[in-house]
PDB file of N, CA and C in Angstrom:
ATOM      1  N   MET A   1     -13.535 -13.078  -1.717  1.00  0.00           N
ATOM      2  CA  MET A   1     -13.892 -11.678  -1.642  1.00  0.00           C
ATOM      3  C   MET A   1     -13.382 -11.134  -0.316  1.00  0.00           C
ATOM      4  N   ILE A   2     -12.734  -9.972  -0.372  1.00  0.00           N
ATOM      5  CA  ILE A   2     -12.153  -9.356   0.816  1.00  0.00           C
ATOM      6  C   ILE A   2     -13.249  -8.900   1.773  1.00  0.00           C
ATOM      7  N   SER A   3     -13.061  -9.223   3.056  1.00  0.00           N
ATOM      8  CA  SER A   3     -14.050  -8.800   4.051  1.00  0.00           C
ATOM      9  C   SER A   3     -13.387  -8.023   5.183  1.00  0.00           C
ATOM     10  N   ALA A   4     -12.213  -7.469   4.929  1.00  0.00           N
ATOM     11  CA  ALA A   4     -11.463  -6.759   5.966  1.00  0.00           C
ATOM     12  C   ALA A   4     -11.639  -5.247   5.896  1.00  0.00           C
ATOM     13  N   PHE A   5     -12.745  -4.784   5.337  1.00  0.00           N
ATOM     14  CA  PHE A   5     -12.986  -3.351   5.232  1.00  0.00           C
ATOM     15  C   PHE A   5     -13.179  -2.745   6.616  1.00  0.00           C
ATOM     16  N   LYS A   6     -12.684  -1.529   6.751  1.00  0.00           N
ATOM     17  CA  LYS A   6     -12.868  -0.751   7.967  1.00  0.00           C
ATOM     18  C   LYS A   6     -13.561   0.546   7.564  1.00  0.00           C
ATOM     19  N   ARG A   7     -14.128   1.237   8.539  1.00  0.00           N
ATOM     20  CA  ARG A   7     -14.829   2.489   8.246  1.00  0.00           C
ATOM     21  C   ARG A   7     -14.324   3.583   9.180  1.00  0.00           C
ATOM     22  N   ASP A   8     -14.106   4.765   8.616  1.00  0.00           N
ATOM     23  CA  ASP A   8     -13.765   5.937   9.407  1.00  0.00           C
ATOM     24  C   ASP A   8     -14.637   7.098   8.936  1.00  0.00           C
ATOM     25  N   ALA A   9     -14.342   8.310   9.389  1.00  0.00           N
ATOM     26  CA  ALA A   9     -15.168   9.470   9.038  1.00  0.00           C
ATOM     27  C   ALA A   9     -15.200   9.730   7.534  1.00  0.00           C
ATOM     28  N   ALA A  10     -14.173   9.303   6.802  1.00  0.00           N
ATOM     29  CA  ALA A  10     -14.105   9.522   5.347  1.00  0.00           C
ATOM     30  C   ALA A  10     -14.741   8.386   4.547  1.00  0.00           C
ATOM     31  N   GLY A  11     -15.148   7.291   5.196  1.00  0.00           N
ATOM     32  CA  GLY A  11     -15.790   6.177   4.495  1.00  0.00           C
ATOM     33  C   GLY A  11     -15.061   4.861   4.684  1.00  0.00           C
ATOM     34  N   TRP A  12     -15.288   3.943   3.755  1.00  0.00           N
ATOM     35  CA  TRP A  12     -14.736   2.587   3.829  1.00  0.00           C
ATOM     36  C   TRP A  12     -13.322   2.550   3.268  1.00  0.00           C
ATOM     37  N   TRP A  13     -12.469   1.703   3.852  1.00  0.00           N
ATOM     38  CA  TRP A  13     -11.109   1.538   3.370  1.00  0.00           C
ATOM     39  C   TRP A  13     -10.607   0.142   3.727  1.00  0.00           C
ATOM     40  N   VAL A  14      -9.539  -0.267   3.045  1.00  0.00           N
ATOM     41  CA  VAL A  14      -8.917  -1.564   3.293  1.00  0.00           C
ATOM     42  C   VAL A  14      -7.441  -1.470   2.929  1.00  0.00           C
ATOM     43  N   TYR A  15      -6.596  -2.208   3.657  1.00  0.00           N
ATOM     44  CA  TYR A  15      -5.165  -2.255   3.334  1.00  0.00           C
ATOM     45  C   TYR A  15      -4.921  -3.195   2.158  1.00  0.00           C
ATOM     46  N   ALA A  16      -3.900  -2.867   1.357  1.00  0.00           N
ATOM     47  CA  ALA A  16      -3.447  -3.746   0.275  1.00  0.00           C
ATOM     48  C   ALA A  16      -1.924  -3.739   0.252  1.00  0.00           C
ATOM     49  N   ASP A  17      -1.331  -4.896   0.231  1.00  0.00           N
ATOM     50  CA  ASP A  17       0.113  -5.017   0.091  1.00  0.00           C
ATOM     51  C   ASP A  17       0.488  -4.633  -1.341  1.00  0.00           C
ATOM     52  N   PRO A  18       1.652  -4.014  -1.560  1.00  0.00           N
ATOM     53  CA  PRO A  18       2.047  -3.633  -2.921  1.00  0.00           C
ATOM     54  C   PRO A  18       2.103  -4.802  -3.912  1.00  0.00           C
ATOM     55  N   SER A  19       2.296  -6.024  -3.412  1.00  0.00           N
ATOM     56  CA  SER A  19       2.375  -7.186  -4.310  1.00  0.00           C
ATOM     57  C   SER A  19       1.071  -7.985  -4.364  1.00  0.00           C
ATOM     58  N   SER A  20       0.016  -7.494  -3.718  1.00  0.00           N
ATOM     59  CA  SER A  20      -1.246  -8.236  -3.687  1.00  0.00           C
ATOM     60  C   SER A  20      -1.996  -8.150  -5.014  1.00  0.00           C
ATOM     61  N   ASP A  21      -2.827  -9.123  -5.262  1.00  0.00           N
ATOM     62  CA  ASP A  21      -3.746  -9.166  -6.402  1.00  0.00           C
ATOM     63  C   ASP A  21      -4.984  -9.882  -5.877  1.00  0.00           C
ATOM     64  N   LEU A  22      -5.982  -9.103  -5.408  1.00  0.00           N
ATOM     65  CA  LEU A  22      -7.101  -9.668  -4.662  1.00  0.00           C
ATOM     66  C   LEU A  22      -8.445  -9.204  -5.198  1.00  0.00           C
ATOM     67  N   ASP A  23      -9.482  -9.977  -4.887  1.00  0.00           N
ATOM     68  CA  ASP A  23     -10.841  -9.619  -5.277  1.00  0.00           C
ATOM     69  C   ASP A  23     -11.515  -8.837  -4.157  1.00  0.00           C
ATOM     70  N   TYR A  24     -12.205  -7.777  -4.560  1.00  0.00           N
ATOM     71  CA  TYR A  24     -12.932  -6.908  -3.656  1.00  0.00           C
ATOM     72  C   TYR A  24     -14.376  -6.862  -4.134  1.00  0.00           C
ATOM     73  N   GLY A  25     -15.312  -6.930  -3.210  1.00  0.00           N
ATOM     74  CA  GLY A  25     -16.716  -6.957  -3.605  1.00  0.00           C
ATOM     75  C   GLY A  25     -17.563  -5.964  -2.845  1.00  0.00           C
ATOM     76  N   LEU A  26     -18.596  -5.506  -3.522  1.00  0.00           N
ATOM     77  CA  LEU A  26     -19.607  -4.649  -2.904  1.00  0.00           C
ATOM     78  C   LEU A  26     -20.899  -5.451  -2.835  1.00  0.00           C
ATOM     79  N   ALA A  27     -21.281  -5.833  -1.632  1.00  0.00           N
ATOM     80  CA  ALA A  27     -22.503  -6.612  -1.421  1.00  0.00           C
ATOM     81  C   ALA A  27     -23.658  -5.646  -1.209  1.00  0.00           C
ATOM     82  N   LEU A  28     -24.654  -5.701  -2.088  1.00  0.00           N
ATOM     83  CA  LEU A  28     -25.720  -4.696  -2.088  1.00  0.00           C
ATOM     84  C   LEU A  28     -27.116  -5.259  -1.838  1.00  0.00           C
ATOM     85  N   LYS A  29     -27.223  -6.486  -1.347  1.00  0.00           N
ATOM     86  CA  LYS A  29     -28.547  -7.094  -1.177  1.00  0.00           C
ATOM     87  C   LYS A  29     -29.448  -6.289  -0.259  1.00  0.00           C
ATOM     88  N   ASP A  30     -28.877  -5.616   0.743  1.00  0.00           N
ATOM     89  CA  ASP A  30     -29.693  -4.828   1.671  1.00  0.00           C
ATOM     90  C   ASP A  30     -30.104  -3.487   1.073  1.00  0.00           C
ATOM     91  N   TRP A  31     -29.431  -3.022   0.043  1.00  0.00           N
ATOM     92  CA  TRP A  31     -29.764  -1.771  -0.628  1.00  0.00           C
ATOM     93  C   TRP A  31     -30.749  -1.984  -1.768  1.00  0.00           C
ATOM     94  N   LEU A  32     -30.650  -3.119  -2.446  1.00  0.00           N
ATOM     95  CA  LEU A  32     -31.531  -3.411  -3.573  1.00  0.00           C
ATOM     96  C   LEU A  32     -32.969  -3.631  -3.102  1.00  0.00           C
ATOM     97  N   GLN A  33     -33.926  -3.280  -3.953  1.00  0.00           N
ATOM     98  CA  GLN A  33     -35.329  -3.507  -3.641  1.00  0.00           C
ATOM     99  C   GLN A  33     -35.699  -4.956  -3.969  1.00  0.00           C
ATOM    100  N   ALA A  34     -36.822  -5.422  -3.462  1.00  0.00           N
ATOM    101  CA  ALA A  34     -37.272  -6.791  -3.707  1.00  0.00           C
ATOM    102  C   ALA A  34     -37.335  -7.073  -5.204  1.00  0.00           C
ATOM    103  N   GLY A  35     -36.706  -8.162  -5.637  1.00  0.00           N
ATOM    104  CA  GLY A  35     -36.706  -8.572  -7.038  1.00  0.00           C
ATOM    105  C   GLY A  35     -35.713  -7.830  -7.914  1.00  0.00           C
ATOM    106  N   GLU A  36     -35.028  -6.854  -7.367  1.00  0.00           N
ATOM    107  CA  GLU A  36     -34.074  -6.054  -8.138  1.00  0.00           C
ATOM    108  C   GLU A  36     -32.687  -6.683  -8.081  1.00  0.00           C
ATOM    109  N   MET A  37     -31.940  -6.546  -9.166  1.00  0.00           N
ATOM    110  CA  MET A  37     -30.569  -7.048  -9.225  1.00  0.00           C
ATOM    111  C   MET A  37     -29.670  -5.969  -9.811  1.00  0.00           C
ATOM    112  N   ILE A  38     -28.368  -6.186  -9.692  1.00  0.00           N
ATOM    113  CA  ILE A  38     -27.396  -5.313 -10.345  1.00  0.00           C
ATOM    114  C   ILE A  38     -27.357  -5.723 -11.806  1.00  0.00           C
ATOM    115  N   SER A  39     -27.635  -4.811 -12.717  1.00  0.00           N
ATOM    116  CA  SER A  39     -27.567  -5.155 -14.144  1.00  0.00           C
ATOM    117  C   SER A  39     -26.216  -4.790 -14.732  1.00  0.00           C
ATOM    118  N   SER A  40     -25.555  -3.761 -14.176  1.00  0.00           N
ATOM    119  CA  SER A  40     -24.192  -3.451 -14.610  1.00  0.00           C
ATOM    120  C   SER A  40     -23.428  -2.798 -13.471  1.00  0.00           C
ATOM    121  N   ALA A  41     -22.130  -3.013 -13.489  1.00  0.00           N
ATOM    122  CA  ALA A  41     -21.226  -2.423 -12.500  1.00  0.00           C
ATOM    123  C   ALA A  41     -19.960  -2.011 -13.236  1.00  0.00           C
ATOM    124  N   THR A  42     -19.703  -0.714 -13.264  1.00  0.00           N
ATOM    125  CA  THR A  42     -18.539  -0.180 -13.967  1.00  0.00           C
ATOM    126  C   THR A  42     -17.563   0.372 -12.939  1.00  0.00           C
ATOM    127  N   TRP A  43     -16.367  -0.200 -12.920  1.00  0.00           N
ATOM    128  CA  TRP A  43     -15.360   0.175 -11.940  1.00  0.00           C
ATOM    129  C   TRP A  43     -14.436   1.241 -12.507  1.00  0.00           C
ATOM    130  N   SER A  44     -14.066   2.205 -11.655  1.00  0.00           N
ATOM    131  CA  SER A  44     -13.090   3.233 -12.004  1.00  0.00           C
ATOM    132  C   SER A  44     -11.967   3.174 -10.976  1.00  0.00           C
ATOM    133  N   VAL A  45     -10.742   3.094 -11.472  1.00  0.00           N
ATOM    134  CA  VAL A  45      -9.583   3.052 -10.580  1.00  0.00           C
ATOM    135  C   VAL A  45      -8.588   4.128 -10.992  1.00  0.00           C
ATOM    136  N   PRO A  46      -7.863   4.691 -10.031  1.00  0.00           N
ATOM    137  CA  PRO A  46      -6.888   5.722 -10.362  1.00  0.00           C
ATOM    138  C   PRO A  46      -5.583   5.115 -10.882  1.00  0.00           C
ATOM    139  N   LEU A  47      -4.741   5.969 -11.438  1.00  0.00           N
ATOM    140  CA  LEU A  47      -3.399   5.527 -11.810  1.00  0.00           C
ATOM    141  C   LEU A  47      -2.728   4.959 -10.576  1.00  0.00           C
ATOM    142  N   GLY A  48      -2.023   3.863 -10.738  1.00  0.00           N
ATOM    143  CA  GLY A  48      -1.382   3.185  -9.619  1.00  0.00           C
ATOM    144  C   GLY A  48      -2.097   1.904  -9.230  1.00  0.00           C
ATOM    145  N   ILE A  49      -3.321   1.717  -9.733  1.00  0.00           N
ATOM    146  CA  ILE A  49      -4.098   0.497  -9.438  1.00  0.00           C
ATOM    147  C   ILE A  49      -4.517  -0.138 -10.758  1.00  0.00           C
ATOM    148  N   LEU A  50      -4.341  -1.439 -10.870  1.00  0.00           N
ATOM    149  CA  LEU A  50      -4.765  -2.194 -12.048  1.00  0.00           C
ATOM    150  C   LEU A  50      -6.057  -2.936 -11.716  1.00  0.00           C
ATOM    151  N   LEU A  51      -6.993  -2.928 -12.639  1.00  0.00           N
ATOM    152  CA  LEU A  51      -8.292  -3.578 -12.487  1.00  0.00           C
ATOM    153  C   LEU A  51      -8.406  -4.710 -13.492  1.00  0.00           C
ATOM    154  N   HIS A  52      -8.877  -5.868 -13.043  1.00  0.00           N
ATOM    155  CA  HIS A  52      -9.177  -6.961 -13.974  1.00  0.00           C
ATOM    156  C   HIS A  52     -10.279  -7.849 -13.409  1.00  0.00           C
ATOM    157  N   ASP A  53     -10.897  -8.583 -14.282  1.00  0.00           N
ATOM    158  CA  ASP A  53     -11.915  -9.579 -13.920  1.00  0.00           C
ATOM    159  C   ASP A  53     -13.061  -9.028 -13.074  1.00  0.00           C
ATOM    160  N   ALA A  54     -13.673  -7.945 -13.529  1.00  0.00           N
ATOM    161  CA  ALA A  54     -14.864  -7.416 -12.856  1.00  0.00           C
ATOM    162  C   ALA A  54     -16.061  -8.296 -13.191  1.00  0.00           C
ATOM    163  N   ALA A  55     -16.972  -8.450 -12.225  1.00  0.00           N
ATOM    164  CA  ALA A  55     -18.123  -9.333 -12.442  1.00  0.00           C
ATOM    165  C   ALA A  55     -19.262  -8.983 -11.487  1.00  0.00           C
ATOM    166  N   ILE A  56     -20.422  -9.532 -11.797  1.00  0.00           N
ATOM    167  CA  ILE A  56     -21.587  -9.525 -10.903  1.00  0.00           C
ATOM    168  C   ILE A  56     -21.863 -10.993 -10.614  1.00  0.00           C
ATOM    169  N   ASN A  57     -22.095 -11.328  -9.351  1.00  0.00           N
ATOM    170  CA  ASN A  57     -22.217 -12.749  -9.002  1.00  0.00           C
ATOM    171  C   ASN A  57     -23.354 -13.447  -9.755  1.00  0.00           C
ATOM    172  N   ALA A  58     -23.001 -14.544 -10.438  1.00  0.00           N
ATOM    173  CA  ALA A  58     -23.955 -15.339 -11.215  1.00  0.00           C
ATOM    174  C   ALA A  58     -24.487 -16.522 -10.405  1.00  0.00           C
ATOM    175  N   ALA A  59     -23.984 -16.666  -9.193  1.00  0.00           N
ATOM    176  CA  ALA A  59     -24.436 -17.717  -8.275  1.00  0.00           C
ATOM    177  C   ALA A  59     -24.469 -17.104  -6.876  1.00  0.00           C
ATOM    178  N   PRO A  60     -25.265 -17.663  -5.984  1.00  0.00           N
ATOM    179  CA  PRO A  60     -25.271 -17.142  -4.613  1.00  0.00           C
ATOM    180  C   PRO A  60     -23.879 -17.233  -3.988  1.00  0.00           C
ATOM    181  N   ILE A  61     -23.565 -16.277  -3.134  1.00  0.00           N
ATOM    182  CA  ILE A  61     -22.281 -16.242  -2.421  1.00  0.00           C
ATOM    183  C   ILE A  61     -22.585 -16.225  -0.932  1.00  0.00           C
ATOM    184  N   THR A  62     -21.893 -17.068  -0.170  1.00  0.00           N
ATOM    185  CA  THR A  62     -22.000 -17.026   1.283  1.00  0.00           C
ATOM    186  C   THR A  62     -20.698 -16.447   1.817  1.00  0.00           C
ATOM    187  N   ASP A  63     -20.786 -15.341   2.565  1.00  0.00           N
ATOM    188  CA  ASP A  63     -19.579 -14.681   3.059  1.00  0.00           C
ATOM    189  C   ASP A  63     -19.087 -15.341   4.351  1.00  0.00           C
ATOM    190  N   LYS A  64     -17.983 -14.831   4.889  1.00  0.00           N
ATOM    191  CA  LYS A  64     -17.366 -15.419   6.080  1.00  0.00           C
ATOM    192  C   LYS A  64     -18.255 -15.343   7.312  1.00  0.00           C
ATOM    193  N   ALA A  65     -19.197 -14.411   7.312  1.00  0.00           N
ATOM    194  CA  ALA A  65     -20.130 -14.282   8.441  1.00  0.00           C
ATOM    195  C   ALA A  65     -21.317 -15.224   8.304  1.00  0.00           C
ATOM    196  N   GLY A  66     -21.364 -15.989   7.194  1.00  0.00           N
ATOM    197  CA  GLY A  66     -22.460 -16.917   6.972  1.00  0.00           C
ATOM    198  C   GLY A  66     -23.670 -16.297   6.289  1.00  0.00           C
ATOM    199  N   VAL A  67     -23.545 -15.058   5.831  1.00  0.00           N
ATOM    200  CA  VAL A  67     -24.642 -14.375   5.140  1.00  0.00           C
ATOM    201  C   VAL A  67     -24.618 -14.758   3.669  1.00  0.00           C
ATOM    202  N   THR A  68     -25.773 -15.181   3.146  1.00  0.00           N
ATOM    203  CA  THR A  68     -25.864 -15.551   1.734  1.00  0.00           C
ATOM    204  C   THR A  68     -26.350 -14.353   0.935  1.00  0.00           C
ATOM    205  N   HIS A  69     -25.631 -14.091  -0.161  1.00  0.00           N
ATOM    206  CA  HIS A  69     -25.961 -12.982  -1.064  1.00  0.00           C
ATOM    207  C   HIS A  69     -26.508 -13.595  -2.347  1.00  0.00           C
ATOM    208  N   PRO A  70     -27.781 -13.330  -2.682  1.00  0.00           N
ATOM    209  CA  PRO A  70     -28.405 -13.928  -3.868  1.00  0.00           C
ATOM    210  C   PRO A  70     -27.723 -13.505  -5.170  1.00  0.00           C
ATOM    211  N   ILE A  71     -28.048 -14.210  -6.230  1.00  0.00           N
ATOM    212  CA  ILE A  71     -27.549 -13.899  -7.572  1.00  0.00           C
ATOM    213  C   ILE A  71     -27.813 -12.422  -7.882  1.00  0.00           C
ATOM    214  N   GLY A  72     -26.806 -11.768  -8.482  1.00  0.00           N
ATOM    215  CA  GLY A  72     -26.968 -10.398  -8.944  1.00  0.00           C
ATOM    216  C   GLY A  72     -26.941  -9.326  -7.876  1.00  0.00           C
ATOM    217  N   THR A  73     -26.363  -9.649  -6.705  1.00  0.00           N
ATOM    218  CA  THR A  73     -26.346  -8.673  -5.615  1.00  0.00           C
ATOM    219  C   THR A  73     -24.948  -8.262  -5.167  1.00  0.00           C
ATOM    220  N   VAL A  74     -23.910  -8.823  -5.802  1.00  0.00           N
ATOM    221  CA  VAL A  74     -22.529  -8.481  -5.440  1.00  0.00           C
ATOM    222  C   VAL A  74     -21.758  -8.095  -6.698  1.00  0.00           C
ATOM    223  N   ALA A  75     -21.197  -6.897  -6.688  1.00  0.00           N
ATOM    224  CA  ALA A  75     -20.307  -6.443  -7.764  1.00  0.00           C
ATOM    225  C   ALA A  75     -18.881  -6.627  -7.263  1.00  0.00           C
ATOM    226  N   SER A  76     -18.052  -7.297  -8.052  1.00  0.00           N
ATOM    227  CA  SER A  76     -16.687  -7.551  -7.598  1.00  0.00           C
ATOM    228  C   SER A  76     -15.678  -7.232  -8.690  1.00  0.00           C
ATOM    229  N   ALA A  77     -14.444  -7.010  -8.249  1.00  0.00           N
ATOM    230  CA  ALA A  77     -13.342  -6.739  -9.173  1.00  0.00           C
ATOM    231  C   ALA A  77     -12.042  -7.149  -8.508  1.00  0.00           C
ATOM    232  N   TRP A  78     -11.112  -7.618  -9.317  1.00  0.00           N
ATOM    233  CA  TRP A  78      -9.770  -7.925  -8.852  1.00  0.00           C
ATOM    234  C   TRP A  78      -8.939  -6.663  -9.018  1.00  0.00           C
ATOM    235  N   LEU A  79      -8.228  -6.285  -7.940  1.00  0.00           N
ATOM    236  CA  LEU A  79      -7.413  -5.075  -7.949  1.00  0.00           C
ATOM    237  C   LEU A  79      -5.986  -5.412  -7.551  1.00  0.00           C
ATOM    238  N   LYS A  80      -5.055  -4.794  -8.265  1.00  0.00           N
ATOM    239  CA  LYS A  80      -3.631  -5.036  -8.018  1.00  0.00           C
ATOM    240  C   LYS A  80      -2.903  -3.698  -8.068  1.00  0.00           C
ATOM    241  N   PRO A  81      -2.145  -3.367  -7.007  1.00  0.00           N
ATOM    242  CA  PRO A  81      -1.330  -2.161  -7.093  1.00  0.00           C
ATOM    243  C   PRO A  81      -0.336  -2.278  -8.250  1.00  0.00           C
ATOM    244  N   ASP A  82      -0.254  -1.223  -9.040  1.00  0.00           N
ATOM    245  CA  ASP A  82       0.676  -1.173 -10.167  1.00  0.00           C
ATOM    246  C   ASP A  82       2.081  -0.914  -9.627  1.00  0.00           C
ATOM    247  N   ILE A  83       3.064  -1.084 -10.486  1.00  0.00           N
ATOM    248  CA  ILE A  83       4.446  -0.847 -10.075  1.00  0.00           C
ATOM    249  C   ILE A  83       4.633   0.587  -9.576  1.00  0.00           C
ATOM    250  N   GLY A  84       3.783   1.512 -10.030  1.00  0.00           N
ATOM    251  CA  GLY A  84       3.887   2.901  -9.612  1.00  0.00           C
ATOM    252  C   GLY A  84       3.121   3.242  -8.342  1.00  0.00           C
ATOM    253  N   ALA A  85       2.438   2.274  -7.742  1.00  0.00           N
ATOM    254  CA  ALA A  85       1.679   2.535  -6.516  1.00  0.00           C
ATOM    255  C   ALA A  85       2.637   2.910  -5.387  1.00  0.00           C
ATOM    256  N   VAL A  86       2.252   3.890  -4.594  1.00  0.00           N
ATOM    257  CA  VAL A  86       3.111   4.409  -3.535  1.00  0.00           C
ATOM    258  C   VAL A  86       2.626   3.907  -2.179  1.00  0.00           C
ATOM    259  N   VAL A  87       3.543   3.289  -1.429  1.00  0.00           N
ATOM    260  CA  VAL A  87       3.213   2.821  -0.082  1.00  0.00           C
ATOM    261  C   VAL A  87       2.798   4.018   0.765  1.00  0.00           C
ATOM    262  N   GLY A  88       1.709   3.861   1.503  1.00  0.00           N
ATOM    263  CA  GLY A  88       1.200   4.910   2.374  1.00  0.00           C
ATOM    264  C   GLY A  88       0.116   5.769   1.739  1.00  0.00           C
ATOM    265  N   ILE A  89      -0.083   5.620   0.432  1.00  0.00           N
ATOM    266  CA  ILE A  89      -1.100   6.398  -0.267  1.00  0.00           C
ATOM    267  C   ILE A  89      -2.420   5.624  -0.284  1.00  0.00           C
ATOM    268  N   ALA A  90      -3.530   6.358  -0.152  1.00  0.00           N
ATOM    269  CA  ALA A  90      -4.870   5.771  -0.248  1.00  0.00           C
ATOM    270  C   ALA A  90      -5.429   6.086  -1.631  1.00  0.00           C
ATOM    271  N   TYR A  91      -5.743   5.057  -2.393  1.00  0.00           N
ATOM    272  CA  TYR A  91      -6.295   5.194  -3.739  1.00  0.00           C
ATOM    273  C   TYR A  91      -7.798   4.941  -3.681  1.00  0.00           C
ATOM    274  N   THR A  92      -8.589   5.864  -4.217  1.00  0.00           N
ATOM    275  CA  THR A  92     -10.040   5.705  -4.188  1.00  0.00           C
ATOM    276  C   THR A  92     -10.516   4.931  -5.410  1.00  0.00           C
ATOM    277  N   VAL A  93     -11.225   3.848  -5.154  1.00  0.00           N
ATOM    278  CA  VAL A  93     -11.802   2.976  -6.173  1.00  0.00           C
ATOM    279  C   VAL A  93     -13.315   3.198  -6.149  1.00  0.00           C
ATOM    280  N   THR A  94     -13.924   3.354  -7.322  1.00  0.00           N
ATOM    281  CA  THR A  94     -15.357   3.630  -7.398  1.00  0.00           C
ATOM    282  C   THR A  94     -16.047   2.627  -8.314  1.00  0.00           C
ATOM    283  N   CYS A  95     -17.233   2.218  -7.926  1.00  0.00           N
ATOM    284  CA  CYS A  95     -18.054   1.329  -8.748  1.00  0.00           C
ATOM    285  C   CYS A  95     -19.399   2.016  -9.000  1.00  0.00           C
ATOM    286  N   ARG A  96     -19.729   2.197 -10.282  1.00  0.00           N
ATOM    287  CA  ARG A  96     -21.029   2.772 -10.678  1.00  0.00           C
ATOM    288  C   ARG A  96     -21.973   1.610 -10.967  1.00  0.00           C
ATOM    289  N   ILE A  97     -23.058   1.561 -10.211  1.00  0.00           N
ATOM    290  CA  ILE A  97     -23.995   0.441 -10.261  1.00  0.00           C
ATOM    291  C   ILE A  97     -25.295   0.884 -10.916  1.00  0.00           C
ATOM    292  N   THR A  98     -25.775   0.071 -11.839  1.00  0.00           N
ATOM    293  CA  THR A  98     -27.084   0.281 -12.449  1.00  0.00           C
ATOM    294  C   THR A  98     -27.928  -0.946 -12.132  1.00  0.00           C
ATOM    295  N   THR A  99     -29.183  -0.733 -11.737  1.00  0.00           N
ATOM    296  CA  THR A  99     -30.045  -1.847 -11.339  1.00  0.00           C
ATOM    297  C   THR A  99     -30.984  -2.268 -12.471  1.00  0.00           C
ATOM    298  N   SER A 100     -31.639  -3.382 -12.244  1.00  0.00           N
ATOM    299  CA  SER A 100     -32.559  -3.967 -13.226  1.00  0.00           C
ATOM    300  C   SER A 100     -33.954  -3.355 -13.175  1.00  0.00           C
ATOM    301  N   SER A 101     -34.208  -2.429 -12.265  1.00  0.00           N
ATOM    302  CA  SER A 101     -35.554  -1.866 -12.140  1.00  0.00           C
ATOM    303  C   SER A 101     -35.881  -0.960 -13.324  1.00  0.00           C
ATOM    304  N   THR A 102     -37.165  -0.661 -13.486  1.00  0.00           N
ATOM    305  CA  THR A 102     -37.618   0.248 -14.549  1.00  0.00           C
ATOM    306  C   THR A 102     -38.318   1.426 -13.886  1.00  0.00           C
ATOM    307  N   PRO A 103     -37.775   2.617 -14.013  1.00  0.00           N
ATOM    308  CA  PRO A 103     -36.479   2.922 -14.606  1.00  0.00           C
ATOM    309  C   PRO A 103     -35.351   2.407 -13.709  1.00  0.00           C
ATOM    310  N   PRO A 104     -34.181   2.217 -14.293  1.00  0.00           N
ATOM    311  CA  PRO A 104     -33.068   1.704 -13.485  1.00  0.00           C
ATOM    312  C   PRO A 104     -32.607   2.739 -12.458  1.00  0.00           C
ATOM    313  N   ARG A 105     -32.213   2.245 -11.314  1.00  0.00           N
ATOM    314  CA  ARG A 105     -31.579   3.108 -10.314  1.00  0.00           C
ATOM    315  C   ARG A 105     -30.080   3.069 -10.557  1.00  0.00           C
ATOM    316  N   VAL A 106     -29.421   4.196 -10.357  1.00  0.00           N
ATOM    317  CA  VAL A 106     -27.979   4.300 -10.572  1.00  0.00           C
ATOM    318  C   VAL A 106     -27.357   4.897  -9.318  1.00  0.00           C
ATOM    319  N   ASP A 107     -26.260   4.293  -8.863  1.00  0.00           N
ATOM    320  CA  ASP A 107     -25.574   4.790  -7.667  1.00  0.00           C
ATOM    321  C   ASP A 107     -24.087   4.505  -7.815  1.00  0.00           C
ATOM    322  N   GLU A 108     -23.288   5.220  -7.049  1.00  0.00           N
ATOM    323  CA  GLU A 108     -21.846   4.967  -7.014  1.00  0.00           C
ATOM    324  C   GLU A 108     -21.441   4.665  -5.587  1.00  0.00           C
ATOM    325  N   ARG A 109     -20.560   3.685  -5.450  1.00  0.00           N
ATOM    326  CA  ARG A 109     -19.989   3.317  -4.153  1.00  0.00           C
ATOM    327  C   ARG A 109     -18.476   3.360  -4.293  1.00  0.00           C
ATOM    328  N   SER A 110     -17.805   3.912  -3.290  1.00  0.00           N
ATOM    329  CA  SER A 110     -16.350   4.042  -3.328  1.00  0.00           C
ATOM    330  C   SER A 110     -15.733   3.501  -2.049  1.00  0.00           C
ATOM    331  N   PHE A 111     -14.483   3.098  -2.159  1.00  0.00           N
ATOM    332  CA  PHE A 111     -13.683   2.759  -0.988  1.00  0.00           C
ATOM    333  C   PHE A 111     -12.234   3.097  -1.297  1.00  0.00           C
ATOM    334  N   ARG A 112     -11.451   3.217  -0.232  1.00  0.00           N
ATOM    335  CA  ARG A 112     -10.027   3.529  -0.381  1.00  0.00           C
ATOM    336  C   ARG A 112      -9.201   2.269  -0.222  1.00  0.00           C
ATOM    337  N   LEU A 113      -8.270   2.103  -1.129  1.00  0.00           N
ATOM    338  CA  LEU A 113      -7.303   1.008  -1.083  1.00  0.00           C
ATOM    339  C   LEU A 113      -5.996   1.636  -0.581  1.00  0.00           C
ATOM    340  N   VAL A 114      -5.631   1.329   0.657  1.00  0.00           N
ATOM    341  CA  VAL A 114      -4.455   1.927   1.282  1.00  0.00           C
ATOM    342  C   VAL A 114      -3.283   0.967   1.103  1.00  0.00           C
ATOM    343  N   ILE A 115      -2.245   1.416   0.403  1.00  0.00           N
ATOM    344  CA  ILE A 115      -1.094   0.554   0.126  1.00  0.00           C
ATOM    345  C   ILE A 115      -0.183   0.540   1.344  1.00  0.00           C
ATOM    346  N   ARG A 116       0.088  -0.672   1.822  1.00  0.00           N
ATOM    347  CA  ARG A 116       0.907  -0.838   3.022  1.00  0.00           C
ATOM    348  C   ARG A 116       1.702  -2.133   2.929  1.00  0.00           C
ATOM    349  N   GLU A 117       2.996  -2.065   3.222  1.00  0.00           N
ATOM    350  CA  GLU A 117       3.827  -3.268   3.295  1.00  0.00           C
ATOM    351  C   GLU A 117       3.383  -4.111   4.479  1.00  0.00           C
ATOM    352  N   ARG A 118       3.282  -5.415   4.268  1.00  0.00           N
ATOM    353  CA  ARG A 118       2.925  -6.290   5.403  1.00  0.00           C
ATOM    354  C   ARG A 118       4.060  -7.202   5.713  1.00  0.00           C
TER     355      ARG A 118
END
């Protein structure tokens, strides 16, 4: 899972090489309430970005900082710039999250995928 996100006044963003095919995750354990999990995560990507293998973690994940994310707290997707992706353009990727609570909570989280040759 990519952990190279940066933040500016417009929100979260990360660089992607035009030939990359990488997994990106939204870790939500600090946002979720006690006992709550992500029940669904629907990803939306613009033209120029291909989406595949979206998932919600079925096992705990420990990130590079050593933080453990319990089951059902990370929504992830593999993203690949399409042949039509333009270097220098920032593509906004959005994930609509629904929780297991009753009633379910619904939220959207977005980040920019900035295409850059490395």
